[in-house]
Amino acid sequence: MCEKGVNPDQMRMMVAQVDDSLAMAQQWLEQIHHLADHAGLHDGSVLVAQTTVLLGEARARLESAGNEMASPDDGVTVERV
């Protein structure tokens, strides 16, 4: 892939796959957070909740990266004649 250039569509697809993985992990952690909270494990519940927030921030950054790849600004303009 790198020898002949970068395929932006493939890169966006890879980012989307990572986002899907993080979304699943985020859902699992939310369930763990609620279970720990109901079990009275306050400190662990808080740490898991904070981790869930961090995953949300990571997913937002991935979305921004995917958007940047969708419209690369490489300084090239095309004029139809």
Protein backbone atom coordinates (compact mmCIF):
# COMPACT_ATOMS: atom_id res chain seq x y z
CA MET A 1 0.00 0.00 0.00
CA CYS A 2 2.74 2.50 0.88
CA GLU A 3 4.98 1.70 -2.09
CA LYS A 4 2.42 3.01 -4.57
CA GLY A 5 0.75 5.63 -2.41
CA VAL A 6 -1.86 5.69 0.30
CA ASN A 7 -5.46 4.73 -0.40
CA PRO A 8 -7.57 7.21 1.63
CA ASP A 9 -10.70 5.05 1.38
CA GLN A 10 -8.86 2.10 2.87
CA MET A 11 -7.45 4.30 5.63
CA ARG A 12 -10.95 5.58 6.50
CA MET A 13 -12.23 2.01 6.57
CA MET A 14 -9.42 1.01 8.96
CA VAL A 15 -10.23 3.95 11.23
CA ALA A 16 -13.92 2.96 11.17
CA GLN A 17 -13.01 -0.60 12.18
CA VAL A 18 -10.98 0.67 15.13
CA ASP A 19 -13.89 2.93 16.09
CA ASP A 20 -16.23 -0.08 16.02
CA SER A 21 -13.89 -1.97 18.35
CA LEU A 22 -13.71 0.96 20.74
CA ALA A 23 -17.51 1.33 20.66
CA MET A 24 -17.91 -2.29 21.70
CA ALA A 25 -15.34 -1.91 24.49
CA GLN A 26 -17.10 1.26 25.62
CA GLN A 27 -20.43 -0.57 25.86
CA TRP A 28 -18.86 -3.39 27.86
CA LEU A 29 -17.23 -0.93 30.24
CA GLU A 30 -20.55 0.85 30.76
CA GLN A 31 -22.08 -2.47 31.77
CA ILE A 32 -19.17 -3.19 34.10
CA HIS A 33 -19.53 0.29 35.58
CA HIS A 34 -23.21 -0.28 36.37
CA LEU A 35 -22.57 -3.76 37.78
CA ALA A 36 -19.76 -2.47 40.00
CA ASP A 37 -21.93 0.43 41.14
CA HIS A 38 -24.81 -1.88 42.07
CA ALA A 39 -22.37 -4.16 43.90
CA GLY A 40 -21.17 -1.25 46.04
CA LEU A 41 -17.70 -1.15 44.50
CA HIS A 42 -17.63 2.63 44.29
CA ASP A 43 -13.91 3.22 43.61
CA GLY A 44 -13.75 0.63 40.85
CA SER A 45 -16.99 1.90 39.37
CA VAL A 46 -15.62 5.45 39.22
CA LEU A 47 -12.41 4.32 37.51
CA VAL A 48 -14.33 2.30 34.92
CA ALA A 49 -16.64 5.28 34.29
CA GLN A 50 -13.61 7.52 33.73
CA THR A 51 -12.17 4.99 31.31
CA THR A 52 -15.47 5.00 29.40
CA VAL A 53 -15.21 8.78 29.06
CA LEU A 54 -11.64 8.47 27.76
CA LEU A 55 -12.78 5.96 25.16
CA GLY A 56 -15.47 8.40 24.08
CA GLU A 57 -12.82 11.09 23.62
CA ALA A 58 -10.65 8.68 21.63
CA ARG A 59 -13.60 7.86 19.38
CA ALA A 60 -14.24 11.58 18.80
CA ARG A 61 -10.61 12.03 17.74
CA LEU A 62 -10.88 9.06 15.40
CA GLU A 63 -13.97 10.60 13.84
CA SER A 64 -12.04 13.83 13.28
CA ALA A 65 -9.18 11.88 11.73
CA GLY A 66 -11.59 10.07 9.42
CA ASN A 67 -13.13 13.37 8.38
CA GLU A 68 -9.69 14.78 7.62
CA MET A 69 -8.94 11.77 5.45
CA ALA A 70 -12.25 12.25 3.63
CA SER A 71 -11.18 15.63 2.35
CA PRO A 72 -7.40 15.75 2.08
CA ASP A 73 -5.95 19.19 1.52
CA ASP A 74 -2.86 18.40 -0.51
CA GLY A 75 -2.71 21.75 -2.28
CA VAL A 76 -3.65 20.27 -5.64
CA THR A 77 -6.31 22.01 -7.67
CA VAL A 78 -7.85 20.77 -10.87
CA GLU A 79 -9.17 23.13 -13.48
CA ARG A 80 -11.38 21.82 -16.22
CA VAL A 81 -10.61 23.32 -19.63
